[in-house]
């Protein structure tokens, strides 16, 4: 039986295997029974502070098991957690907390000092709970939990009741609060567990931020539902990932291509550790190159690596690969059961045929209810029950979807539509290219042109001119990268993805230098 409330997602494992470990972090091991009691204590502690259904609870955490119990404890009483992206600047964080109308802020020890400095800017926050020394009017996290009861009376939860309010990254404007529902999130995680055949033998590694869907839907929620366990690392470090796979006999992990590339580059560390326990890896946010797939399979011979697609508002995963199903390289999978997906033309209505590029729209029970306090944006993005994702895709004759890029990322070069991902795909074919990323720069005649950043594979070196000629051999002349810059490594953002804003800034700086170089 599935629970009504997402906060009780691990009901079945709790009944069947209460003493099995569910969370491992450093020296802390929590069983399902431990976690249930701690979630109940958090729910009771919040009720004792006067927090009720619908109240927003902001969570300011680095990777920490306390994030999970705070999240689920708040949901049990009907409050709505607001996970904060701690990689945001202070101004953006302040905007999110104030916009969400949060009445409580909970921070772990690593975030305590920053949270304390920002609290005066949060006029709506009535209670500040901190895992550390409580000063002034703040409350000590552990003392508060210890004083609360480990038993909590359940309340009736409706399918479409809001359970969670994460915020979008704000890459195309101010961050937007996404209203996710209890029933929708439970539907999606239950379906993904069935599609992936997860069970209580699974042990997931969490090295991506817990506040992001990559960790929550990719690992935390499935492990809670299926009775598996998870190893929580403080952040992504390729050496620690390798050592943790060996130490904890990890079977499953999620990440983005840049992370897997850095893991595979640690040849000596991989040779010193037994990583044969890994059976499955899911890679999202960007295409997995053939070179990376081949290297991954040589390094982890017992494992399958599959690409995925999802977005916070969209289910989150309306399309998926499955480890025991047919996987096509370069594809993020096929539509999952119960999820309708279409690729439509610019009019937003006409459905396109195989191999035509258009916007992906989806309709499924997991869709967000809309955006917090943004009725006009909600009306624009959610139309007649469909979410207009803003993602450009194509679908082949077998129903596999291929991500082409964001509508907002498209570069108009003298009237020609150029998609950065298509340039990257060609550059990644070169044997000396490990990673590639493309951003636009302004051009006085063509409007905009693409430039590429490259991390070389280490097996050889190549020049910018050679890569340009390589691209022109396979790609459209108008789409070739006008400049190519080499980096030792790509800058990563808070979720482990390549930091586009940082690369756009670098491109502008490099271009400025070129313009001022003597002829």
Protein backbone atom coordinates (compact mmCIF):
# COMPACT_ATOMS: atom_id res chain seq x y z
CA UNK A 1 0.00 0.00 0.00
CA UNK A 2 1.22 3.47 -0.87
CA UNK A 3 0.80 6.25 1.70
CA UNK A 4 -1.27 9.37 1.07
CA UNK A 5 1.45 11.62 2.48
CA UNK A 6 4.95 11.71 0.96
CA UNK A 7 6.38 12.05 4.46
CA UNK A 8 5.45 8.41 5.08
CA UNK A 9 7.03 7.09 1.90
CA UNK A 10 8.86 4.29 3.71
CA UNK A 11 5.79 2.82 5.45
CA UNK A 12 6.28 -0.68 4.00
CA UNK A 13 10.01 -1.06 4.78
CA UNK A 14 9.27 0.31 8.25
CA UNK A 15 6.82 -2.54 8.85
CA UNK A 16 8.84 -5.30 7.18
CA UNK A 17 12.44 -4.40 8.08
CA UNK A 18 12.42 -1.69 10.77
CA UNK A 19 15.98 -2.40 11.89
CA UNK A 20 17.56 -2.40 8.42
CA UNK A 21 19.86 0.55 7.70
CA UNK A 22 18.43 3.24 5.44
CA UNK A 23 20.96 6.10 5.82
CA UNK A 24 24.73 5.88 6.19
CA UNK A 25 26.67 9.12 6.63
CA UNK A 26 30.17 9.13 8.11
CA UNK A 27 29.77 7.25 11.40
CA UNK A 28 25.99 7.69 11.56
CA UNK A 29 23.77 4.74 10.65
CA UNK A 30 20.00 5.23 10.79
CA UNK A 31 17.54 2.34 10.55
CA UNK A 32 14.02 2.77 9.17
CA UNK A 33 12.78 2.80 12.77
CA UNK A 34 15.29 5.49 13.73
CA UNK A 35 14.33 7.63 10.75
CA UNK A 36 10.59 7.25 11.41
CA UNK A 37 10.99 8.35 15.03
CA UNK A 38 13.16 11.31 14.06
CA UNK A 39 10.64 12.41 11.41
CA UNK A 40 7.88 12.19 14.01
CA UNK A 41 9.93 14.18 16.49
CA UNK A 42 10.46 16.91 13.88
CA UNK A 43 6.73 16.97 13.09
CA UNK A 44 5.87 17.29 16.79
CA UNK A 45 8.54 19.92 17.38
CA UNK A 46 7.13 22.05 14.58
CA UNK A 47 3.58 21.64 15.87
CA UNK A 48 4.81 22.74 19.32
CA UNK A 49 6.08 25.93 17.65
CA UNK A 50 2.63 26.59 16.21
CA UNK A 51 3.40 25.41 12.68
CA UNK A 52 0.43 23.96 10.80
CA UNK A 53 -0.68 22.70 7.39
CA UNK A 54 0.32 25.00 4.55
CA UNK A 55 3.04 26.82 6.48
CA UNK A 56 6.33 27.05 4.61
CA UNK A 57 9.50 25.65 6.23
CA UNK A 58 12.78 26.72 4.61
CA UNK A 59 15.59 24.13 4.70
CA UNK A 60 19.16 25.44 4.43
CA UNK A 61 21.35 22.34 4.37
CA UNK A 62 24.51 20.98 2.93
CA UNK A 63 24.29 17.20 2.34
CA UNK A 64 23.13 15.88 5.70
CA UNK A 65 20.67 13.21 6.84
CA UNK A 66 18.96 15.89 8.94
CA UNK A 67 17.71 17.40 5.69
CA UNK A 68 15.71 14.22 4.97
CA UNK A 69 14.13 14.01 8.41
CA UNK A 70 13.33 17.74 8.41
CA UNK A 71 11.79 17.47 4.95
CA UNK A 72 9.65 14.45 5.75
CA UNK A 73 8.79 15.53 9.27
CA UNK A 74 7.43 18.84 7.98
CA UNK A 75 5.39 17.06 5.30
CA UNK A 76 3.83 14.72 7.86
CA UNK A 77 2.04 17.60 9.56
CA UNK A 78 1.04 19.18 6.23
CA UNK A 79 3.65 21.94 6.24
CA UNK A 80 5.44 22.64 2.93
CA UNK A 81 9.25 22.36 2.93
CA UNK A 82 11.18 24.85 0.78
CA UNK A 83 14.60 23.33 -0.02
CA UNK A 84 17.17 26.08 -0.54
CA UNK A 85 19.88 25.91 -3.18
CA UNK A 86 22.83 26.85 -0.98
CA UNK A 87 24.96 27.59 -4.05
CA UNK A 88 22.80 30.66 -4.71
CA UNK A 89 24.17 34.04 -3.67
CA UNK A 90 22.79 35.77 -0.58
CA UNK A 91 20.53 38.02 -2.64
CA UNK A 92 18.90 35.09 -4.45
CA UNK A 93 18.56 33.09 -1.24
CA UNK A 94 16.93 36.04 0.48
CA UNK A 95 14.52 36.40 -2.42
CA UNK A 96 13.49 32.73 -2.19
CA UNK A 97 12.93 32.73 1.58
CA UNK A 98 10.95 35.98 1.50
CA UNK A 99 8.98 35.03 -1.62
CA UNK A 100 8.06 31.62 -0.16
CA UNK A 101 6.67 33.30 2.99
CA UNK A 102 8.57 30.80 5.11
CA UNK A 103 7.83 31.03 8.83
CA UNK A 104 10.60 28.64 9.89
CA UNK A 105 14.24 28.33 8.81
CA UNK A 106 16.16 25.16 9.65
CA UNK A 107 19.92 25.01 9.02
CA UNK A 108 22.57 22.37 9.66
CA UNK A 109 25.92 23.10 11.27
CA UNK A 110 27.74 23.82 8.01
CA UNK A 111 25.16 26.44 7.03
CA UNK A 112 24.65 27.81 10.55
CA UNK A 113 26.86 30.92 10.31
CA UNK A 114 25.51 31.96 6.91
CA UNK A 115 21.92 31.35 7.97
CA UNK A 116 22.41 33.35 11.16
CA UNK A 117 23.76 36.32 9.19
CA UNK A 118 20.78 36.24 6.81
CA UNK A 119 17.94 35.72 9.32
CA UNK A 120 17.51 39.47 9.99
CA UNK A 121 16.61 39.85 6.29
CA UNK A 122 13.76 37.33 6.63
CA UNK A 123 10.96 39.30 8.36
CA UNK A 124 8.46 36.46 8.00
CA UNK A 125 10.64 33.83 9.70
CA UNK A 126 9.38 33.40 13.26
CA UNK A 127 11.61 30.49 14.27
CA UNK A 128 15.25 29.77 13.47
CA UNK A 129 16.36 26.20 14.21
CA UNK A 130 20.05 25.45 13.93
CA UNK A 131 22.15 22.31 14.28
CA UNK A 132 24.74 24.01 16.44
CA UNK A 133 25.04 26.53 19.22
CA UNK A 134 21.75 28.29 19.77
CA UNK A 135 22.24 32.01 20.31
CA UNK A 136 19.67 34.73 20.85
CA UNK A 137 16.22 33.47 19.90
CA UNK A 138 17.45 30.51 17.84
CA UNK A 139 16.66 26.92 18.82
CA UNK A 140 19.07 24.00 19.01
CA UNK A 141 18.11 21.27 16.54
CA UNK A 142 19.06 18.20 18.62
CA UNK A 143 17.62 19.57 21.86
CA UNK A 144 14.35 20.41 20.12
CA UNK A 145 14.04 16.90 18.62
CA UNK A 146 14.98 15.21 21.87
CA UNK A 147 12.23 17.07 23.72
CA UNK A 148 9.56 16.07 21.17
CA UNK A 149 7.58 12.81 21.10
CA UNK A 150 8.61 10.00 18.69
CA UNK A 151 4.90 9.30 18.05
CA UNK A 152 2.77 11.44 15.74
CA UNK A 153 -0.91 11.14 14.85
CA UNK A 154 -1.51 10.94 11.10
CA UNK A 155 -3.70 13.44 9.31
CA UNK A 156 -5.74 13.00 6.13
CA UNK A 157 -3.81 14.14 3.05
CA UNK A 158 -5.44 14.86 -0.33
CA UNK A 159 -3.80 13.68 -3.58
CA UNK A 160 -3.39 17.24 -4.89
CA UNK A 161 -2.26 18.80 -1.60
CA UNK A 162 1.06 20.63 -1.99
CA UNK A 163 3.90 18.72 -0.35
CA UNK A 164 7.02 20.55 -1.52
CA UNK A 165 8.04 23.93 -2.96
CA UNK A 166 11.46 23.77 -4.62
CA UNK A 167 12.60 26.77 -6.63
CA UNK A 168 13.86 26.81 -10.20
CA UNK A 169 17.44 27.94 -10.73
CA UNK A 170 16.45 31.38 -11.96
CA UNK A 171 18.62 31.08 -15.09
CA UNK A 172 15.90 32.85 -17.12
CA UNK A 173 14.75 35.34 -14.48
CA UNK A 174 13.97 35.23 -10.78
CA UNK A 175 13.64 31.76 -9.19
CA UNK A 176 10.10 30.38 -9.31
CA UNK A 177 8.51 28.28 -6.57
CA UNK A 178 7.20 24.98 -7.98
CA UNK A 179 4.12 23.51 -6.29
CA UNK A 180 4.49 19.72 -6.16
CA UNK A 181 1.79 17.46 -4.74
CA UNK A 182 1.83 14.47 -2.41
CA UNK A 183 -0.08 12.21 -4.80
CA UNK A 184 1.88 13.24 -7.86
CA UNK A 185 5.28 12.66 -6.28
CA UNK A 186 4.27 9.29 -4.84
CA UNK A 187 2.91 8.23 -8.24
CA UNK A 188 6.19 9.06 -9.96
CA UNK A 189 8.55 7.45 -7.47
CA UNK A 190 6.41 4.30 -7.29
CA UNK A 191 6.43 3.98 -11.07
CA UNK A 192 10.20 4.56 -11.31
CA UNK A 193 10.86 1.91 -8.65
CA UNK A 194 8.84 -0.58 -10.69
CA UNK A 195 10.48 0.38 -13.98
CA UNK A 196 13.98 0.07 -12.50
CA UNK A 197 13.14 -3.03 -10.43
CA UNK A 198 14.59 -1.47 -7.27
CA UNK A 199 14.35 -3.60 -4.13
CA UNK A 200 15.81 -3.80 -0.61
CA UNK A 201 19.19 -5.01 -1.92
CA UNK A 202 19.87 -1.64 -3.51
CA UNK A 203 22.41 0.74 -2.00
CA UNK A 204 22.56 4.20 -3.57
CA UNK A 205 25.35 6.74 -3.39
CA UNK A 206 24.28 10.38 -2.98
CA UNK A 207 27.09 12.75 -3.99
CA UNK A 208 24.88 15.39 -5.63
CA UNK A 209 23.06 18.04 -3.56
CA UNK A 210 20.10 16.72 -1.60
CA UNK A 211 18.09 19.85 -2.39
CA UNK A 212 18.06 18.92 -6.10
CA UNK A 213 15.72 16.48 -7.84
CA UNK A 214 18.72 14.50 -9.15
CA UNK A 215 19.31 13.30 -5.60
CA UNK A 216 15.75 13.31 -4.28
CA UNK A 217 13.97 11.52 -7.11
CA UNK A 218 17.04 9.74 -8.43
CA UNK A 219 18.09 8.16 -5.14
CA UNK A 220 16.49 9.24 -1.86
CA UNK A 221 12.81 8.67 -2.61
CA UNK A 222 13.29 5.35 -4.47
CA UNK A 223 15.46 3.94 -1.69
CA UNK A 224 12.93 4.95 0.96
CA UNK A 225 10.07 3.32 -0.95
CA UNK A 226 11.82 0.11 -1.98
CA UNK A 227 13.57 -0.51 1.33
CA UNK A 228 17.08 0.06 0.05
CA UNK A 229 19.72 2.23 1.67
CA UNK A 230 21.70 5.32 0.78
CA UNK A 231 25.20 6.57 1.48
CA UNK A 232 25.30 10.36 1.83
CA UNK A 233 28.53 12.18 0.96
CA UNK A 234 29.07 15.86 1.84
CA UNK A 235 29.54 16.69 -1.83
CA UNK A 236 31.07 15.48 -5.05
CA UNK A 237 34.70 14.46 -4.84
CA UNK A 238 35.73 11.77 -7.38
CA UNK A 239 38.21 10.11 -5.01
CA UNK A 240 35.67 9.91 -2.18
CA UNK A 241 33.04 8.56 -4.58
CA UNK A 242 35.35 5.74 -5.64
CA UNK A 243 36.33 4.92 -2.06
CA UNK A 244 32.69 4.98 -0.94
CA UNK A 245 31.61 2.60 -3.71
CA UNK A 246 34.25 0.16 -2.48
CA UNK A 247 33.66 0.67 1.26
CA UNK A 248 29.86 0.50 1.24
CA UNK A 249 29.40 -1.85 -1.74
CA UNK A 250 27.31 0.71 -3.56
CA UNK A 251 25.09 -0.74 -6.29
CA UNK A 252 23.57 2.42 -7.77
CA UNK A 253 24.36 6.09 -8.26
CA UNK A 254 23.20 9.14 -10.18
CA UNK A 255 25.13 12.05 -11.60
CA UNK A 256 25.84 14.23 -14.61
CA UNK A 257 28.38 13.58 -17.38
CA UNK A 258 31.00 15.94 -15.94
CA UNK A 259 30.94 13.99 -12.66
CA UNK A 260 31.33 10.59 -14.31
CA UNK A 261 34.13 11.97 -16.48
CA UNK A 262 36.04 13.04 -13.38
CA UNK A 263 35.49 9.69 -11.69
CA UNK A 264 36.85 7.86 -14.74
CA UNK A 265 39.92 10.11 -14.84
CA UNK A 266 41.04 8.79 -11.43
CA UNK A 267 42.88 5.77 -12.85
CA UNK A 268 45.13 5.09 -9.86
CA UNK A 269 42.32 5.38 -7.33
CA UNK A 270 40.12 3.08 -9.40
CA UNK A 271 42.90 0.50 -9.61
CA UNK A 272 43.29 0.51 -5.81
CA UNK A 273 39.60 0.03 -5.01
CA UNK A 274 37.15 -2.78 -5.71
CA UNK A 275 34.21 -1.08 -7.45
CA UNK A 276 32.60 -4.19 -8.93
CA UNK A 277 29.52 -3.78 -6.70
CA UNK A 278 28.20 -0.94 -8.90
CA UNK A 279 25.42 -2.29 -11.10
CA UNK A 280 23.62 0.80 -12.39
CA UNK A 281 24.27 4.48 -12.99
CA UNK A 282 21.85 7.11 -14.22
CA UNK A 283 23.27 10.14 -15.96
CA UNK A 284 21.18 13.25 -16.58
CA UNK A 285 21.32 16.90 -17.66
CA UNK A 286 23.49 16.31 -20.75
CA UNK A 287 24.23 13.65 -23.33
CA UNK A 288 26.59 10.84 -22.43
CA UNK A 289 29.29 10.60 -25.10
CA UNK A 290 30.20 7.26 -26.69
CA UNK A 291 33.72 7.64 -25.33
CA UNK A 292 32.42 8.09 -21.79
CA UNK A 293 30.08 5.09 -22.14
CA UNK A 294 32.89 2.86 -23.42
CA UNK A 295 35.27 3.98 -20.68
CA UNK A 296 32.57 3.53 -18.04
CA UNK A 297 31.85 -0.02 -19.17
CA UNK A 298 35.56 -0.91 -19.14
CA UNK A 299 35.90 0.47 -15.62
CA UNK A 300 32.61 -0.90 -14.24
CA UNK A 301 32.13 -4.11 -16.25
CA UNK A 302 29.09 -5.23 -14.26
CA UNK A 303 27.26 -1.91 -14.53
CA UNK A 304 24.81 -0.32 -16.95
CA UNK A 305 24.81 3.43 -17.54
CA UNK A 306 21.63 5.06 -18.82
CA UNK A 307 20.63 8.61 -19.64
CA UNK A 308 17.57 10.24 -18.13
CA UNK A 309 15.38 13.29 -18.58
CA UNK A 310 13.31 15.19 -16.10
CA UNK A 311 12.34 18.63 -14.89
CA UNK A 312 11.03 19.71 -11.51
CA UNK A 313 7.62 20.75 -12.83
CA UNK A 314 7.17 17.75 -15.11
CA UNK A 315 6.54 14.73 -12.98
CA UNK A 316 9.55 15.05 -12.53
CA UNK A 317 10.39 12.22 -14.99
CA UNK A 318 7.94 11.83 -17.91
CA UNK A 319 10.61 10.06 -20.00
CA UNK A 320 13.00 7.39 -18.79
CA UNK A 321 15.39 4.64 -19.75
CA UNK A 322 15.17 1.40 -17.79
CA UNK A 323 18.20 -0.71 -16.95
CA UNK A 324 16.56 -3.98 -18.04
CA UNK A 325 14.99 -2.53 -21.18
CA UNK A 326 16.35 -1.51 -24.54
CA UNK A 327 18.66 1.49 -24.24
CA UNK A 328 19.63 3.61 -27.22
CA UNK A 329 22.77 5.67 -26.79
CA UNK A 330 22.13 9.37 -27.01
CA UNK A 331 18.49 8.93 -26.05
CA UNK A 332 16.99 9.89 -22.70
CA UNK A 333 14.44 7.10 -23.05
CA UNK A 334 10.79 6.58 -23.89
CA UNK A 335 7.67 7.92 -22.26
CA UNK A 336 6.83 6.16 -19.02
CA UNK A 337 3.44 4.47 -18.49
CA UNK A 338 0.78 6.95 -17.41
CA UNK A 339 2.66 9.91 -18.88
CA UNK A 340 1.57 11.52 -22.16
CA UNK A 341 4.27 13.31 -24.15
CA UNK A 342 4.22 15.15 -27.48
CA UNK A 343 6.64 17.14 -29.59
CA UNK A 344 4.89 20.19 -30.99
CA UNK A 345 5.73 22.93 -33.48
CA UNK A 346 6.11 26.62 -32.65
CA UNK A 347 2.33 27.07 -32.64
CA UNK A 348 2.23 24.84 -29.55
CA UNK A 349 -0.51 22.67 -31.05
CA UNK A 350 0.67 20.81 -34.15
CA UNK A 351 2.25 17.49 -33.22
CA UNK A 352 5.43 16.78 -35.15
CA UNK A 353 6.46 13.51 -36.72
CA UNK A 354 9.55 11.31 -36.22
CA UNK A 355 12.91 13.14 -36.21
CA UNK A 356 11.35 16.60 -36.34
CA UNK A 357 12.62 19.01 -33.69
CA UNK A 358 10.05 20.78 -31.53
CA UNK A 359 9.06 21.59 -27.95
CA UNK A 360 8.31 18.73 -25.58
CA UNK A 361 5.01 18.95 -23.74
CA UNK A 362 3.81 16.44 -21.16
CA UNK A 363 0.71 15.51 -19.17
CA UNK A 364 0.87 13.16 -16.18
CA UNK A 365 -0.31 12.84 -12.55
CA UNK A 366 3.03 14.13 -11.24
CA UNK A 367 2.84 17.58 -12.84
CA UNK A 368 3.22 20.55 -10.54
CA UNK A 369 0.05 22.49 -9.72
CA UNK A 370 1.80 25.58 -11.02
CA UNK A 371 4.12 28.28 -9.73
CA UNK A 372 3.80 29.95 -6.33
CA UNK A 373 2.16 33.40 -6.64
CA UNK A 374 2.74 33.51 -10.43
CA UNK A 375 -0.68 32.98 -12.04
CA UNK A 376 0.32 34.45 -15.42
CA UNK A 377 3.46 32.32 -15.71
CA UNK A 378 1.44 29.28 -14.63
CA UNK A 379 -1.17 30.00 -17.31
CA UNK A 380 1.56 30.29 -19.95
CA UNK A 381 3.44 27.10 -19.01
CA UNK A 382 0.46 24.91 -18.02
CA UNK A 383 -2.16 24.83 -20.78
CA UNK A 384 -5.16 22.48 -20.99
CA UNK A 385 -3.51 20.05 -18.60
CA UNK A 386 -0.18 20.04 -20.49
CA UNK A 387 3.16 21.40 -19.30
CA UNK A 388 5.11 23.24 -21.98
CA UNK A 389 8.65 22.36 -20.95
CA UNK A 390 10.67 24.75 -23.10
CA UNK A 391 12.91 21.79 -24.01
CA UNK A 392 13.54 20.98 -27.66
CA UNK A 393 13.50 17.29 -28.55
CA UNK A 394 13.06 14.88 -31.40
CA UNK A 395 11.62 11.36 -31.30
CA UNK A 396 12.73 8.49 -33.53
CA UNK A 397 10.55 5.85 -35.17
CA UNK A 398 10.89 3.57 -32.13
CA UNK A 399 9.62 6.17 -29.68
CA UNK A 400 13.00 7.13 -28.19
CA UNK A 401 13.44 10.81 -27.33
CA UNK A 402 16.59 12.83 -27.94
CA UNK A 403 17.26 16.09 -26.17
CA UNK A 404 18.32 18.85 -28.57
CA UNK A 405 18.48 21.86 -26.23
CA UNK A 406 16.52 24.56 -24.48
CA UNK A 407 14.46 26.93 -26.60
CA UNK A 408 16.21 29.73 -24.69
CA UNK A 409 19.66 28.30 -25.58
CA UNK A 410 19.15 28.37 -29.33
CA UNK A 411 21.64 30.64 -31.14
CA UNK A 412 20.37 32.58 -34.14
CA UNK A 413 23.32 32.87 -36.53
CA UNK A 414 22.30 35.12 -39.44
CA UNK A 415 18.80 33.66 -39.35
CA UNK A 416 19.91 30.02 -38.97
CA UNK A 417 18.89 28.14 -35.81
CA UNK A 418 21.94 26.64 -34.13
CA UNK A 419 21.58 24.31 -31.14
CA UNK A 420 24.63 24.16 -28.83
CA UNK A 421 24.06 20.48 -28.10
CA UNK A 422 24.40 19.56 -31.78
CA UNK A 423 27.81 21.27 -31.88
CA UNK A 424 28.85 19.50 -28.67
CA UNK A 425 27.77 16.12 -30.06
CA UNK A 426 30.11 16.51 -33.03
CA UNK A 427 33.04 17.80 -30.96
CA UNK A 428 32.71 14.84 -28.58
CA UNK A 429 33.35 12.48 -31.49
CA UNK A 430 36.96 13.67 -31.62
CA UNK A 431 39.20 11.19 -29.76
CA UNK A 432 41.03 13.96 -27.88
CA UNK A 433 37.89 15.64 -26.52
CA UNK A 434 36.65 14.51 -23.11
CA UNK A 435 34.20 17.33 -22.40
CA UNK A 436 32.75 20.13 -24.53
CA UNK A 437 30.37 23.00 -23.92
CA UNK A 438 29.10 25.72 -26.26
CA UNK A 439 27.90 29.24 -25.46
CA UNK A 440 27.06 32.22 -27.71
CA UNK A 441 28.92 35.50 -28.07
CA UNK A 442 27.67 38.60 -29.83
CA UNK A 443 28.76 39.21 -33.41
CA UNK A 444 28.49 42.59 -35.20
CA UNK A 445 27.22 41.06 -38.45
CA UNK A 446 25.73 37.65 -37.68
CA UNK A 447 24.04 38.65 -34.42
CA UNK A 448 25.53 35.79 -32.42
CA UNK A 449 27.99 32.97 -33.02
CA UNK A 450 28.94 29.88 -31.01
CA UNK A 451 32.20 29.44 -29.12
CA UNK A 452 33.32 26.16 -27.56
CA UNK A 453 35.12 25.23 -24.36
CA UNK A 454 37.05 21.95 -24.46
CA UNK A 455 38.60 19.63 -21.87
CA UNK A 456 40.99 17.29 -23.65
CA UNK A 457 41.00 13.58 -22.90
CA UNK A 458 44.62 13.24 -21.88
CA UNK A 459 45.30 10.62 -24.55
CA UNK A 460 46.57 13.30 -26.92
CA UNK A 461 46.33 16.96 -27.76
CA UNK A 462 44.84 18.91 -30.58
CA UNK A 463 44.65 22.53 -31.71
CA UNK A 464 41.68 24.85 -31.99
CA UNK A 465 42.08 24.96 -35.76
CA UNK A 466 42.10 21.18 -36.02
CA UNK A 467 38.87 20.98 -34.02
CA UNK A 468 37.24 23.61 -36.22
CA UNK A 469 38.14 21.61 -39.32
CA UNK A 470 36.92 18.42 -37.63
CA UNK A 471 33.57 20.08 -36.97
CA UNK A 472 33.27 21.39 -40.54
CA UNK A 473 33.77 17.83 -41.80
CA UNK A 474 30.58 16.68 -40.03
CA UNK A 475 28.56 19.81 -39.22
CA UNK A 476 26.88 22.74 -40.92
CA UNK A 477 29.29 25.55 -41.91
CA UNK A 478 27.17 28.25 -40.26
CA UNK A 479 27.24 26.35 -36.95
CA UNK A 480 30.98 25.88 -36.49
CA UNK A 481 32.46 27.30 -33.23
CA UNK A 482 34.20 30.57 -34.13
CA UNK A 483 36.57 30.28 -31.19
CA UNK A 484 37.69 27.28 -29.16
CA UNK A 485 39.14 27.61 -25.67
CA UNK A 486 40.85 24.83 -23.72
CA UNK A 487 40.29 24.30 -19.97
CA UNK A 488 41.78 21.87 -17.48
CA UNK A 489 38.27 21.23 -16.15
CA UNK A 490 34.78 22.64 -16.59
CA UNK A 491 33.37 24.85 -13.82
CA UNK A 492 30.51 23.07 -12.07
CA UNK A 493 27.42 24.62 -10.53
CA UNK A 494 25.61 23.65 -7.36
CA UNK A 495 23.97 20.55 -8.86
CA UNK A 496 27.11 19.19 -10.51
CA UNK A 497 26.13 20.50 -13.94
CA UNK A 498 28.52 22.57 -15.99
CA UNK A 499 28.12 26.23 -14.96
CA UNK A 500 26.91 27.92 -18.13
CA UNK A 501 26.90 31.42 -16.62
CA UNK A 502 30.56 31.08 -15.65
CA UNK A 503 31.50 29.95 -19.15
CA UNK A 504 29.54 32.80 -20.74
CA UNK A 505 31.48 35.19 -18.50
CA UNK A 506 34.78 33.56 -19.50
CA UNK A 507 33.86 33.74 -23.18
CA UNK A 508 33.13 37.46 -22.88
CA UNK A 509 36.44 38.04 -21.06
CA UNK A 510 38.43 36.08 -23.65
CA UNK A 511 36.68 37.91 -26.47
CA UNK A 512 37.51 41.25 -24.87
CA UNK A 513 41.18 40.28 -24.76
CA UNK A 514 41.15 39.22 -28.40
CA UNK A 515 39.57 42.51 -29.47
CA UNK A 516 42.33 44.47 -27.72
CA UNK A 517 45.25 42.40 -28.94
CA UNK A 518 47.57 44.33 -31.30
CA UNK A 519 47.15 43.44 -34.96
